[in-house]
């Protein structure tokens, strides 16, 4: 890819809010003739180039980007008392502010550097911070303190709290993972790196913040502001996000200078994802402590309740993860579950401890010995067994035979977790469809189409205000093939591959079956979008063995324009959501 020129950056900034712009206005913004705009766009990075949609001379991006122009940044900074500098490309925004701090504390104080691309971005504990252009909001600023460096141990938590407050006000359900990671559940939303310089009897803190604004769908264990914003909340622009963050940072750091961290302890505790939960603490990948996160001190250190008593852990030495298999401690009883998903062709299961899935398994009904073996290793009198099944009584009995304790088989319900079931007779409603709907709320709060690709394909609709509207059932790929082989002459043959215009009978069979499933998904998505109203997002949550093939076969424009998530074991997540609310 060729280096981007000033006119490229101006064009990106003009389109970054995702709103339609006429090519004449874009040419004016970029300083080129309208007929040159298309040539400029073809030189953009591939991940941005594919976001463009054109209609009647109007251009728009299917999702916004964190790209600014200098005047826009200057206005936002001035509103909150910052002098700004915009770098399209640099090694690290922290490096630039550090150089200013070494020259003079006054020069660094209130200097805000925003970077679109960093070649040597870094996070805590020497980790590399990676991003693609436009997908992450990255900035650093200097802040001067009278205290010595060792007296600013709580600076990282207080900065995290300011960011958490700003995000929450924008409708993003962020939490803090001690000491200063921003998360949504187990997924990383953002990070904070603070480096200090002692100069002229003062401490200059260089505070670097990176927040995922948008992310490609293939990124794992991460979440973005755009994906996490709550249903009903206003869309968040990069400018609004930056302004909200700077406003909270300005307020919180002023109070911290005067009063220290004590006034913020309660708020930090409420925002801490892991407060009063079992955790494991790692150092160089090795577990060094296990216990319950009991809070933090006024110096920002973690208070960890272990079997041998409370231990104080200093920020920056170790990493924190939710405890997958924590040692028992007196302050927290371990809750254990075995969750079963009885499908038509196989049984799936998950072992859960303290709200976290620690192991999963699956087996065909003809041989469920693996489940019995795992019970010998993991089971016990304190394990509650809860399941959902569509497989029939015989197969349920086969599963129960492997387990020495009774199974609580759950069926569809008129209402659960705030979701109202509009199925006319909920006793006829497949339990898998119901718990798929409940499980979808782990992955989106928007209206969504929930698809399961198994023995049968089910396509269900859930509104953003939690009304389950029902859906459709059709044969799965294997059943379609069997029906064609049994009922149609000359079609009992191997299935080929999916093509847009198949030219062999084998490929025509494969393509026809896939088109039937994709068409059903697209129809339900269009109906639900019309039902919830224009302008509201409708996501697609898809599960089952055929899910990746279906997503690959959907129109590229549909996948780009909508949030599409493939989730394994969606019924299991629905069961987990249900038991956690009991």
Protein backbone atom coordinates (compact mmCIF):
# COMPACT_ATOMS: atom_id res chain seq x y z
CA UNK A 1 0.00 0.00 0.00
CA UNK A 2 1.33 3.44 -0.92
CA UNK A 3 1.72 6.05 1.87
CA UNK A 4 -1.39 8.17 2.27
CA UNK A 5 -1.11 11.80 1.18
CA UNK A 6 -2.81 14.81 2.83
CA UNK A 7 -5.77 14.59 0.44
CA UNK A 8 -6.33 10.96 1.45
CA UNK A 9 -6.51 11.94 5.12
CA UNK A 10 -8.89 14.81 4.38
CA UNK A 11 -11.16 12.49 2.42
CA UNK A 12 -11.14 9.92 5.24
CA UNK A 13 -11.92 12.56 7.84
CA UNK A 14 -14.86 13.84 5.76
CA UNK A 15 -16.35 10.33 5.54
CA UNK A 16 -15.41 9.12 9.03
CA UNK A 17 -18.79 9.80 10.66
CA UNK A 18 -20.50 7.28 8.36
CA UNK A 19 -23.04 9.84 7.08
CA UNK A 20 -23.73 10.30 3.34
CA UNK A 21 -21.65 12.95 1.57
CA UNK A 22 -21.97 14.13 -2.02
CA UNK A 23 -18.85 13.73 -4.15
CA UNK A 24 -18.73 17.48 -4.80
CA UNK A 25 -18.52 18.16 -1.05
CA UNK A 26 -15.90 15.42 -0.67
CA UNK A 27 -13.81 16.93 -3.46
CA UNK A 28 -13.97 20.31 -1.74
CA UNK A 29 -12.95 18.77 1.60
CA UNK A 30 -10.05 16.86 0.06
CA UNK A 31 -8.93 19.74 -2.15
CA UNK A 32 -9.31 17.83 -5.44
CA UNK A 33 -11.77 17.74 -8.33
CA UNK A 34 -14.79 15.43 -7.82
CA UNK A 35 -13.70 13.22 -10.71
CA UNK A 36 -10.43 12.51 -8.87
CA UNK A 37 -12.18 11.19 -5.75
CA UNK A 38 -12.58 7.64 -7.03
CA UNK A 39 -8.88 7.38 -7.89
CA UNK A 40 -7.99 8.57 -4.39
CA UNK A 41 -10.27 5.99 -2.84
CA UNK A 42 -8.69 3.12 -4.77
CA UNK A 43 -5.41 3.94 -2.99
CA UNK A 44 -6.91 3.49 0.50
CA UNK A 45 -6.00 0.45 2.66
CA UNK A 46 -8.07 -2.62 1.68
CA UNK A 47 -9.91 -2.86 5.01
CA UNK A 48 -11.20 0.71 4.50
CA UNK A 49 -11.75 0.53 0.76
CA UNK A 50 -14.39 -2.19 1.20
CA UNK A 51 -16.48 -0.05 3.56
CA UNK A 52 -17.63 2.36 0.84
CA UNK A 53 -21.19 2.48 -0.45
CA UNK A 54 -22.23 4.74 -3.37
CA UNK A 55 -25.69 5.80 -4.52
CA UNK A 56 -26.68 8.71 -6.79
CA UNK A 57 -23.45 10.60 -6.18
CA UNK A 58 -23.64 10.09 -2.40
CA UNK A 59 -20.79 8.32 -0.65
CA UNK A 60 -20.89 6.82 2.83
CA UNK A 61 -19.01 4.28 4.92
CA UNK A 62 -20.92 1.32 6.36
CA UNK A 63 -19.29 1.98 9.74
CA UNK A 64 -17.65 5.09 11.21
CA UNK A 65 -13.92 5.45 11.70
CA UNK A 66 -11.77 7.13 14.34
CA UNK A 67 -10.23 9.65 11.95
CA UNK A 68 -10.00 13.40 12.63
CA UNK A 69 -8.92 16.56 10.89
CA UNK A 70 -6.74 19.13 12.65
CA UNK A 71 -9.43 21.78 13.13
CA UNK A 72 -11.91 19.29 14.55
CA UNK A 73 -9.30 18.02 17.01
CA UNK A 74 -8.27 21.56 17.97
CA UNK A 75 -11.86 22.50 18.80
CA UNK A 76 -12.42 19.40 20.95
CA UNK A 77 -9.15 19.93 22.80
CA UNK A 78 -9.77 23.63 23.43
CA UNK A 79 -13.17 22.82 24.91
CA UNK A 80 -11.40 20.88 27.68
CA UNK A 81 -8.24 22.95 28.08
CA UNK A 82 -5.82 20.97 25.87
CA UNK A 83 -3.37 22.03 23.21
CA UNK A 84 -3.54 19.47 20.42
CA UNK A 85 -1.30 17.88 17.81
CA UNK A 86 -2.53 15.43 15.17
CA UNK A 87 -0.17 12.78 13.80
CA UNK A 88 -1.37 10.58 10.95
CA UNK A 89 1.62 8.30 11.52
CA UNK A 90 4.15 8.15 14.36
CA UNK A 91 6.06 5.62 16.46
CA UNK A 92 3.93 6.24 19.57
CA UNK A 93 1.88 9.17 20.83
CA UNK A 94 3.39 8.57 24.28
CA UNK A 95 6.89 9.08 22.85
CA UNK A 96 5.98 12.53 21.54
CA UNK A 97 4.58 13.73 24.87
CA UNK A 98 7.54 12.17 26.73
CA UNK A 99 9.96 14.22 24.64
CA UNK A 100 8.05 17.37 25.54
CA UNK A 101 8.06 16.35 29.22
CA UNK A 102 11.81 15.91 29.24
CA UNK A 103 12.22 19.39 27.80
CA UNK A 104 9.84 21.12 30.22
CA UNK A 105 6.95 20.09 32.50
CA UNK A 106 5.04 23.20 31.40
CA UNK A 107 5.43 22.24 27.75
CA UNK A 108 3.98 18.78 28.35
CA UNK A 109 1.13 19.74 30.69
CA UNK A 110 -2.11 19.83 28.72
CA UNK A 111 -0.45 18.70 25.48
CA UNK A 112 -2.70 16.17 23.72
CA UNK A 113 -1.32 14.09 20.84
CA UNK A 114 -3.73 11.99 18.78
CA UNK A 115 -2.34 9.36 16.41
CA UNK A 116 -4.12 7.63 13.57
CA UNK A 117 -1.40 5.01 13.14
CA UNK A 118 1.46 3.93 15.41
CA UNK A 119 4.40 1.81 14.31
CA UNK A 120 5.59 1.08 17.87
CA UNK A 121 2.47 1.39 20.00
CA UNK A 122 2.81 -0.31 23.38
CA UNK A 123 0.71 -1.32 26.35
CA UNK A 124 1.33 -2.33 29.94
CA UNK A 125 4.10 -4.82 30.81
CA UNK A 126 5.84 -4.30 27.46
CA UNK A 127 2.98 -5.65 25.36
CA UNK A 128 2.63 -4.46 21.78
CA UNK A 129 -0.47 -2.40 20.97
CA UNK A 130 -1.69 -3.31 17.50
CA UNK A 131 -4.41 -1.65 15.45
CA UNK A 132 -5.55 -0.95 11.91
CA UNK A 133 -6.16 2.55 10.61
CA UNK A 134 -9.43 4.05 11.82
CA UNK A 135 -10.38 1.21 14.14
CA UNK A 136 -8.92 2.53 17.40
CA UNK A 137 -9.02 5.90 19.15
CA UNK A 138 -5.45 6.51 20.36
CA UNK A 139 -4.18 9.57 22.18
CA UNK A 140 -1.72 10.65 24.86
CA UNK A 141 -1.53 13.75 27.05
CA UNK A 142 0.69 15.20 29.75
CA UNK A 143 -0.43 16.00 33.28
CA UNK A 144 1.84 17.53 35.96
CA UNK A 145 1.72 16.54 39.65
CA UNK A 146 3.51 17.88 42.71
CA UNK A 147 3.80 14.38 44.21
CA UNK A 148 6.78 12.10 43.63
CA UNK A 149 6.35 9.20 41.24
CA UNK A 150 5.98 6.56 43.97
CA UNK A 151 3.05 8.51 45.43
CA UNK A 152 1.00 8.20 42.23
CA UNK A 153 0.27 4.48 42.45
CA UNK A 154 -3.49 5.07 42.13
CA UNK A 155 -3.18 7.25 39.02
CA UNK A 156 -3.82 4.32 36.67
CA UNK A 157 -7.04 3.22 38.43
CA UNK A 158 -8.35 6.78 38.62
CA UNK A 159 -7.74 7.30 34.87
CA UNK A 160 -9.52 4.01 34.18
CA UNK A 161 -12.44 5.17 36.31
CA UNK A 162 -12.71 8.43 34.36
CA UNK A 163 -12.79 6.48 31.08
CA UNK A 164 -15.36 4.06 32.50
CA UNK A 165 -17.61 6.94 33.54
CA UNK A 166 -17.41 8.58 30.10
CA UNK A 167 -18.15 5.31 28.31
CA UNK A 168 -21.08 4.50 30.58
CA UNK A 169 -22.64 7.91 29.90
CA UNK A 170 -22.41 7.15 26.17
CA UNK A 171 -24.31 3.89 26.60
CA UNK A 172 -21.29 1.54 26.55
CA UNK A 173 -21.53 -1.01 29.43
CA UNK A 174 -17.81 -0.88 30.20
CA UNK A 175 -16.15 -2.31 33.30
CA UNK A 176 -12.62 -2.14 34.70
CA UNK A 177 -10.25 -5.09 35.02
CA UNK A 178 -7.71 -4.19 37.69
CA UNK A 179 -5.77 -2.05 37.53
CA UNK A 180 -6.75 -0.13 34.40
CA UNK A 181 -7.96 -2.31 31.54
CA UNK A 182 -11.35 -1.38 30.08
CA UNK A 183 -13.49 -4.42 29.31
CA UNK A 184 -16.99 -5.55 28.44
CA UNK A 185 -17.33 -8.92 30.15
CA UNK A 186 -14.27 -10.91 29.17
CA UNK A 187 -13.56 -8.89 26.05
CA UNK A 188 -10.95 -6.13 25.90
CA UNK A 189 -12.31 -2.68 25.05
CA UNK A 190 -9.30 -0.49 25.77
CA UNK A 191 -6.06 -0.03 27.64
CA UNK A 192 -4.13 2.67 29.47
CA UNK A 193 -0.36 3.16 29.67
CA UNK A 194 1.09 5.71 32.08
CA UNK A 195 4.77 6.68 31.99
CA UNK A 196 6.30 9.31 34.29
CA UNK A 197 9.19 11.76 34.12
CA UNK A 198 10.60 13.67 37.11
CA UNK A 199 11.66 17.19 36.13
CA UNK A 200 12.02 20.49 37.97
CA UNK A 201 10.76 19.03 41.24
CA UNK A 202 7.52 17.89 39.59
CA UNK A 203 6.25 14.63 38.13
CA UNK A 204 4.96 14.65 34.57
CA UNK A 205 2.59 11.75 33.91
CA UNK A 206 2.26 10.84 30.25
CA UNK A 207 -1.12 9.14 29.97
CA UNK A 208 -1.73 7.05 26.86
CA UNK A 209 -5.21 5.72 26.10
CA UNK A 210 -6.31 3.33 23.36
CA UNK A 211 -9.96 2.35 22.92
CA UNK A 212 -11.33 0.04 20.24
CA UNK A 213 -13.75 2.18 18.24
CA UNK A 214 -14.66 -0.42 15.60
CA UNK A 215 -13.19 -3.88 15.07
CA UNK A 216 -13.14 -6.41 12.25
CA UNK A 217 -15.45 -9.35 12.99
CA UNK A 218 -12.63 -11.88 13.05
CA UNK A 219 -10.90 -10.30 16.07
CA UNK A 220 -11.28 -12.53 19.14
CA UNK A 221 -11.39 -11.58 22.82
CA UNK A 222 -11.97 -7.92 21.99
CA UNK A 223 -14.96 -5.63 21.69
CA UNK A 224 -15.48 -2.15 20.26
CA UNK A 225 -17.49 0.90 21.27
CA UNK A 226 -19.70 0.49 18.20
CA UNK A 227 -20.45 -3.17 18.97
CA UNK A 228 -21.00 -2.66 22.72
CA UNK A 229 -23.21 0.43 22.77
CA UNK A 230 -26.49 -0.44 24.49
CA UNK A 231 -29.76 -0.85 22.60
CA UNK A 232 -31.61 2.45 22.45
CA UNK A 233 -28.47 4.54 23.03
CA UNK A 234 -27.46 7.14 20.45
CA UNK A 235 -24.74 6.14 17.95
CA UNK A 236 -21.32 7.20 19.22
CA UNK A 237 -19.01 9.17 16.93
CA UNK A 238 -15.26 9.27 17.44
CA UNK A 239 -15.51 13.01 18.16
CA UNK A 240 -18.19 12.46 20.83
CA UNK A 241 -16.13 9.67 22.38
CA UNK A 242 -12.96 11.79 22.57
CA UNK A 243 -14.83 14.80 23.98
CA UNK A 244 -16.55 12.67 26.65
CA UNK A 245 -13.25 11.09 27.70
CA UNK A 246 -11.41 14.41 27.94
CA UNK A 247 -14.27 15.95 29.94
CA UNK A 248 -14.21 13.20 32.56
CA UNK A 249 -10.41 13.12 32.69
CA UNK A 250 -10.30 16.87 33.26
CA UNK A 251 -12.74 16.59 36.19
CA UNK A 252 -11.39 13.44 37.81
CA UNK A 253 -7.69 14.35 37.63
CA UNK A 254 -8.46 17.73 39.23
CA UNK A 255 -10.12 16.00 42.20
CA UNK A 256 -7.33 13.43 42.41
CA UNK A 257 -4.70 16.17 42.71
CA UNK A 258 -6.55 17.67 45.68
CA UNK A 259 -7.90 14.64 47.53
CA UNK A 260 -6.07 11.52 46.33
CA UNK A 261 -7.83 8.27 45.52
CA UNK A 262 -9.95 7.92 48.67
CA UNK A 263 -13.03 9.69 47.21
CA UNK A 264 -12.99 7.30 44.24
CA UNK A 265 -12.69 3.95 46.04
CA UNK A 266 -16.41 3.16 46.14
CA UNK A 267 -16.94 4.11 42.49
CA UNK A 268 -13.94 2.05 41.39
CA UNK A 269 -15.17 -0.94 43.36
CA UNK A 270 -18.59 -0.71 41.67
CA UNK A 271 -16.94 -0.52 38.23
CA UNK A 272 -14.49 -3.37 38.87
CA UNK A 273 -15.64 -6.44 36.93
CA UNK A 274 -14.00 -8.86 39.34
CA UNK A 275 -14.91 -7.35 42.70
CA UNK A 276 -15.82 -10.12 45.18
CA UNK A 277 -15.18 -12.75 42.52
CA UNK A 278 -12.59 -15.56 42.49
CA UNK A 279 -9.53 -14.70 40.41
CA UNK A 280 -6.19 -16.10 39.39
CA UNK A 281 -3.19 -13.81 39.17
CA UNK A 282 -0.50 -14.60 36.65
CA UNK A 283 3.14 -13.63 36.31
CA UNK A 284 4.96 -14.60 33.11
CA UNK A 285 2.09 -16.94 32.32
CA UNK A 286 2.31 -18.78 35.65
CA UNK A 287 -0.36 -18.65 38.37
CA UNK A 288 1.16 -17.06 41.47
CA UNK A 289 -1.94 -16.39 43.61
CA UNK A 290 -5.58 -17.43 43.72
CA UNK A 291 -8.33 -15.93 45.81
CA UNK A 292 -11.13 -13.40 45.84
CA UNK A 293 -10.66 -9.78 44.67
CA UNK A 294 -11.69 -7.93 47.83
CA UNK A 295 -11.03 -4.35 46.64
CA UNK A 296 -8.07 -2.04 46.20
CA UNK A 297 -6.11 0.21 48.55
CA UNK A 298 -5.82 4.00 48.38
CA UNK A 299 -2.47 3.42 46.65
CA UNK A 300 -4.13 1.37 43.90
CA UNK A 301 -2.88 -2.07 45.02
CA UNK A 302 -5.17 -5.09 44.84
CA UNK A 303 -6.52 -6.59 48.07
CA UNK A 304 -6.64 -10.34 47.46
CA UNK A 305 -8.37 -12.60 49.98
CA UNK A 306 -6.62 -15.98 49.94
CA UNK A 307 -6.86 -19.09 52.09
CA UNK A 308 -4.01 -17.78 54.23
CA UNK A 309 -5.49 -14.29 54.64
CA UNK A 310 -5.38 -10.99 52.78
CA UNK A 311 -2.49 -10.31 50.43
CA UNK A 312 -1.69 -6.89 48.95
CA UNK A 313 -0.63 -7.06 45.29
CA UNK A 314 1.05 -4.04 43.73
CA UNK A 315 -0.17 -2.85 40.34
CA UNK A 316 2.07 -3.66 37.41
CA UNK A 317 3.57 -6.90 38.74
CA UNK A 318 0.98 -9.40 37.57
CA UNK A 319 -2.01 -9.91 35.32
CA UNK A 320 -5.57 -10.61 36.32
CA UNK A 321 -7.92 -13.17 34.82
CA UNK A 322 -11.35 -14.41 36.01
CA UNK A 323 -10.68 -17.60 37.96
CA UNK A 324 -11.41 -20.65 35.81
CA UNK A 325 -10.84 -23.11 38.63
CA UNK A 326 -10.08 -21.07 41.76
CA UNK A 327 -9.01 -22.57 45.04
CA UNK A 328 -11.82 -22.51 47.62
CA UNK A 329 -11.67 -19.57 50.01
CA UNK A 330 -13.83 -18.88 53.00
CA UNK A 331 -15.38 -15.74 51.58
CA UNK A 332 -16.83 -17.30 48.40
CA UNK A 333 -18.67 -20.59 47.86
CA UNK A 334 -18.01 -22.27 44.52
CA UNK A 335 -21.10 -22.73 42.32
CA UNK A 336 -20.79 -25.67 39.93
CA UNK A 337 -23.08 -26.69 37.07
CA UNK A 338 -23.14 -29.22 34.29
CA UNK A 339 -25.19 -27.79 31.40
CA UNK A 340 -26.58 -30.15 28.73
CA UNK A 341 -27.77 -29.36 25.22
CA UNK A 342 -29.65 -32.35 23.84
CA UNK A 343 -29.79 -31.82 20.09
CA UNK A 344 -31.28 -34.22 17.57
CA UNK A 345 -28.01 -35.87 16.55
CA UNK A 346 -25.61 -35.30 19.45
CA UNK A 347 -25.34 -34.19 23.06
CA UNK A 348 -23.24 -31.16 23.96
CA UNK A 349 -22.30 -30.15 27.47
CA UNK A 350 -20.37 -27.56 29.47
CA UNK A 351 -18.90 -27.55 32.96
CA UNK A 352 -19.41 -24.21 34.72
CA UNK A 353 -17.75 -22.88 37.87
CA UNK A 354 -18.64 -19.51 39.37
CA UNK A 355 -20.30 -18.32 36.19
CA UNK A 356 -17.42 -19.29 33.87
CA UNK A 357 -17.40 -22.16 31.37
CA UNK A 358 -14.28 -24.17 32.21
CA UNK A 359 -14.71 -27.11 29.82
CA UNK A 360 -16.99 -28.27 27.00
CA UNK A 361 -17.63 -31.62 25.35
CA UNK A 362 -19.87 -33.39 22.85
CA UNK A 363 -20.66 -36.93 21.75
CA UNK A 364 -23.21 -38.85 19.62
CA UNK A 365 -25.98 -40.57 21.56
CA UNK A 366 -24.77 -44.01 20.48
CA UNK A 367 -21.69 -43.53 22.69
CA UNK A 368 -21.96 -41.13 25.64
CA UNK A 369 -19.20 -42.81 27.65
CA UNK A 370 -17.14 -39.60 27.50
CA UNK A 371 -19.78 -37.80 29.56
CA UNK A 372 -19.62 -40.52 32.21
CA UNK A 373 -15.84 -40.35 32.26
CA UNK A 374 -15.87 -36.59 32.71
CA UNK A 375 -18.34 -36.93 35.58
CA UNK A 376 -15.86 -39.18 37.36
CA UNK A 377 -13.21 -36.49 36.94
CA UNK A 378 -15.25 -33.33 37.48
CA UNK A 379 -18.58 -34.24 39.04
CA UNK A 380 -19.72 -34.36 42.64
CA UNK A 381 -22.65 -33.87 44.95
CA UNK A 382 -22.28 -30.08 44.69
CA UNK A 383 -22.80 -30.05 40.90
CA UNK A 384 -26.26 -29.07 39.68
CA UNK A 385 -27.22 -30.56 36.28
CA UNK A 386 -29.47 -28.45 34.05
CA UNK A 387 -30.37 -29.21 30.45
CA UNK A 388 -32.38 -28.31 27.37
CA UNK A 389 -33.41 -31.05 24.95
CA UNK A 390 -35.23 -31.54 21.65
CA UNK A 391 -33.94 -35.08 21.17
CA UNK A 392 -36.84 -37.06 22.64
CA UNK A 393 -37.24 -39.08 25.82
CA UNK A 394 -35.11 -42.04 24.75
CA UNK A 395 -32.00 -39.96 24.12
CA UNK A 396 -32.61 -37.91 27.28
CA UNK A 397 -32.63 -41.17 29.21
CA UNK A 398 -29.34 -42.18 27.56
CA UNK A 399 -27.75 -38.94 28.77
CA UNK A 400 -29.22 -39.30 32.26
CA UNK A 401 -27.88 -42.86 32.48
CA UNK A 402 -24.32 -41.50 32.46
CA UNK A 403 -24.99 -39.27 35.46
CA UNK A 404 -25.61 -40.30 39.08
CA UNK A 405 -27.69 -37.20 39.82
CA UNK A 406 -31.01 -36.13 38.27
CA UNK A 407 -31.10 -33.73 35.33
CA UNK A 408 -33.36 -30.65 35.46
CA UNK A 409 -34.65 -30.61 31.88
CA UNK A 410 -35.94 -27.11 31.06
CA UNK A 411 -38.51 -26.36 28.38
CA UNK A 412 -39.56 -23.16 26.64
CA UNK A 413 -41.12 -20.55 28.92
CA UNK A 414 -43.69 -17.75 28.57
CA UNK A 415 -41.09 -15.27 29.82
CA UNK A 416 -37.52 -15.27 31.16
CA UNK A 417 -34.71 -12.74 31.65
CA UNK A 418 -37.09 -9.96 30.63
CA UNK A 419 -37.78 -11.60 27.25
CA UNK A 420 -41.46 -12.21 26.45
CA UNK A 421 -42.23 -15.30 24.38
CA UNK A 422 -44.94 -14.62 21.77
CA UNK A 423 -45.19 -18.26 20.67
CA UNK A 424 -48.92 -19.09 20.77
CA UNK A 425 -48.37 -22.30 22.74
CA UNK A 426 -45.00 -22.23 24.43
CA UNK A 427 -45.23 -25.96 25.27
CA UNK A 428 -44.88 -26.65 21.52
CA UNK A 429 -41.92 -24.30 21.22
CA UNK A 430 -38.56 -26.03 20.88
CA UNK A 431 -36.44 -25.53 24.00
CA UNK A 432 -33.36 -25.08 21.82
CA UNK A 433 -34.94 -22.11 20.02
CA UNK A 434 -35.89 -20.50 23.33
CA UNK A 435 -32.48 -20.90 24.95
CA UNK A 436 -30.77 -19.76 21.75
CA UNK A 437 -32.77 -16.54 22.10
CA UNK A 438 -31.80 -16.20 25.78
CA UNK A 439 -28.17 -16.90 24.90
CA UNK A 440 -28.11 -14.26 22.16
CA UNK A 441 -28.30 -11.56 24.82
CA UNK A 442 -24.69 -12.36 25.74
CA UNK A 443 -23.64 -11.08 22.34
CA UNK A 444 -25.99 -8.23 21.47
CA UNK A 445 -28.64 -6.01 23.00
CA UNK A 446 -29.93 -5.00 19.56
CA UNK A 447 -32.77 -6.58 17.67
CA UNK A 448 -31.40 -9.79 16.22
CA UNK A 449 -32.14 -12.75 14.00
CA UNK A 450 -31.06 -15.95 15.78
CA UNK A 451 -30.17 -18.81 13.44
CA UNK A 452 -29.33 -22.41 14.34
CA UNK A 453 -27.89 -24.65 11.62
CA UNK A 454 -28.22 -28.25 12.79
CA UNK A 455 -30.40 -31.19 11.83
CA UNK A 456 -33.02 -28.51 11.21
CA UNK A 457 -32.40 -24.84 10.48
CA UNK A 458 -34.33 -22.44 12.70
CA UNK A 459 -34.53 -18.71 12.02
CA UNK A 460 -36.00 -16.66 14.88
CA UNK A 461 -36.61 -12.96 15.57
CA UNK A 462 -35.92 -11.03 18.79
CA UNK A 463 -36.66 -7.29 19.07
CA UNK A 464 -34.46 -4.73 20.77
CA UNK A 465 -37.09 -4.36 23.53
CA UNK A 466 -36.99 -8.10 24.25
CA UNK A 467 -40.00 -9.52 22.45
CA UNK A 468 -39.38 -12.98 20.99
CA UNK A 469 -41.61 -12.92 17.91
CA UNK A 470 -41.22 -16.51 16.73
CA UNK A 471 -39.60 -17.74 13.55
CA UNK A 472 -39.29 -20.44 10.92
CA UNK A 473 -38.11 -24.04 10.73
CA UNK A 474 -36.73 -25.74 7.64
CA UNK A 475 -34.77 -28.95 6.97
CA UNK A 476 -31.05 -28.79 7.55
CA UNK A 477 -28.53 -29.52 4.81
CA UNK A 478 -28.40 -33.25 5.49
CA UNK A 479 -32.20 -33.62 5.55
CA UNK A 480 -32.50 -31.67 2.30
CA UNK A 481 -29.98 -34.00 0.65
CA UNK A 482 -31.79 -37.09 1.93
CA UNK A 483 -35.14 -35.82 0.65
CA UNK A 484 -33.70 -35.08 -2.81
CA UNK A 485 -32.05 -38.49 -2.97
CA UNK A 486 -35.18 -40.37 -1.87
CA UNK A 487 -37.83 -38.48 -3.82
CA UNK A 488 -36.13 -37.30 -7.01
CA UNK A 489 -34.80 -39.46 -9.81
CA UNK A 490 -31.10 -39.18 -10.72
CA UNK A 491 -30.27 -36.91 -7.78
CA UNK A 492 -28.92 -39.52 -5.38
CA UNK A 493 -25.35 -38.38 -5.81
CA UNK A 494 -22.62 -36.62 -3.79
CA UNK A 495 -23.22 -32.95 -3.10
CA UNK A 496 -20.85 -30.53 -4.82
CA UNK A 497 -19.76 -27.03 -3.88
CA UNK A 498 -21.62 -23.75 -3.64
CA UNK A 499 -21.23 -21.45 -6.65
CA UNK A 500 -23.07 -18.27 -7.71
CA UNK A 501 -23.89 -19.88 -11.08
CA UNK A 502 -23.45 -23.66 -10.73
CA UNK A 503 -22.95 -25.59 -13.97
CA UNK A 504 -23.02 -29.19 -12.69
CA UNK A 505 -25.86 -31.08 -11.02
CA UNK A 506 -23.80 -31.76 -7.89
CA UNK A 507 -22.95 -28.08 -7.52
CA UNK A 508 -26.53 -27.08 -8.32
CA UNK A 509 -27.75 -29.23 -5.42
CA UNK A 510 -25.26 -27.71 -2.99
CA UNK A 511 -25.97 -24.16 -4.17
CA UNK A 512 -29.73 -24.63 -4.09
CA UNK A 513 -29.70 -25.85 -0.51
CA UNK A 514 -27.45 -22.99 0.58
CA UNK A 515 -29.58 -20.42 -1.26
CA UNK A 516 -32.66 -21.74 0.56
CA UNK A 517 -31.05 -21.22 3.96
CA UNK A 518 -29.52 -17.83 3.11
CA UNK A 519 -32.78 -16.66 1.58
CA UNK A 520 -34.65 -17.57 4.75
CA UNK A 521 -32.12 -15.64 6.85
CA UNK A 522 -32.26 -12.56 4.63
CA UNK A 523 -36.06 -12.55 4.55
CA UNK A 524 -36.33 -12.74 8.35
CA UNK A 525 -33.72 -10.00 8.72
CA UNK A 526 -35.68 -7.72 6.37
CA UNK A 527 -38.95 -8.43 8.19
CA UNK A 528 -37.43 -7.71 11.59
CA UNK A 529 -35.77 -4.51 10.36
CA UNK A 530 -39.18 -3.33 9.13
CA UNK A 531 -40.78 -4.37 12.44
CA UNK A 532 -38.36 -2.50 14.75
CA UNK A 533 -38.22 0.60 12.58
CA UNK A 534 -35.81 2.30 10.23
CA UNK A 535 -32.44 3.30 11.60
CA UNK A 536 -32.25 0.60 14.28
CA UNK A 537 -29.59 -2.08 13.85
CA UNK A 538 -30.62 -5.71 13.42
CA UNK A 539 -27.82 -8.15 14.18
CA UNK A 540 -27.39 -11.77 13.10
CA UNK A 541 -26.39 -14.39 15.69
CA UNK A 542 -25.78 -17.80 14.12
CA UNK A 543 -24.85 -21.11 15.72
CA UNK A 544 -24.48 -24.76 14.75
CA UNK A 545 -22.12 -26.80 12.59
CA UNK A 546 -23.25 -25.18 9.35
CA UNK A 547 -22.92 -21.60 10.61
CA UNK A 548 -19.53 -20.75 9.02
CA UNK A 549 -20.68 -22.00 5.60
CA UNK A 550 -23.85 -19.94 5.77
CA UNK A 551 -22.03 -16.75 6.72
CA UNK A 552 -19.54 -17.31 3.90
CA UNK A 553 -22.42 -17.69 1.43
CA UNK A 554 -24.32 -14.56 2.53
CA UNK A 555 -23.92 -11.49 0.29
CA UNK A 556 -20.73 -9.61 1.11
CA UNK A 557 -22.63 -6.32 1.34
CA UNK A 558 -24.97 -7.81 3.96
CA UNK A 559 -22.10 -9.02 6.13
CA UNK A 560 -20.35 -5.64 5.88
CA UNK A 561 -23.50 -3.62 6.58
CA UNK A 562 -24.61 -5.67 9.60
CA UNK A 563 -23.13 -7.22 12.73
CA UNK A 564 -22.84 -10.97 12.13
CA UNK A 565 -21.56 -13.21 14.94
CA UNK A 566 -20.90 -16.95 14.85
CA UNK A 567 -21.35 -18.43 18.34
CA UNK A 568 -20.67 -22.03 19.31
CA UNK A 569 -22.90 -23.59 21.97
CA UNK A 570 -25.51 -20.83 21.97
CA UNK A 571 -28.01 -23.02 23.87
CA UNK A 572 -25.39 -23.46 26.59
CA UNK A 573 -25.03 -19.69 26.92
CA UNK A 574 -28.81 -19.43 27.18
CA UNK A 575 -28.87 -21.96 30.00
CA UNK A 576 -26.01 -20.13 31.70
CA UNK A 577 -27.85 -16.81 31.45
CA UNK A 578 -30.95 -18.44 32.95
CA UNK A 579 -29.26 -20.05 35.96
CA UNK A 580 -27.33 -16.86 36.76
CA UNK A 581 -30.61 -14.94 37.09
CA UNK A 582 -32.24 -17.46 39.44
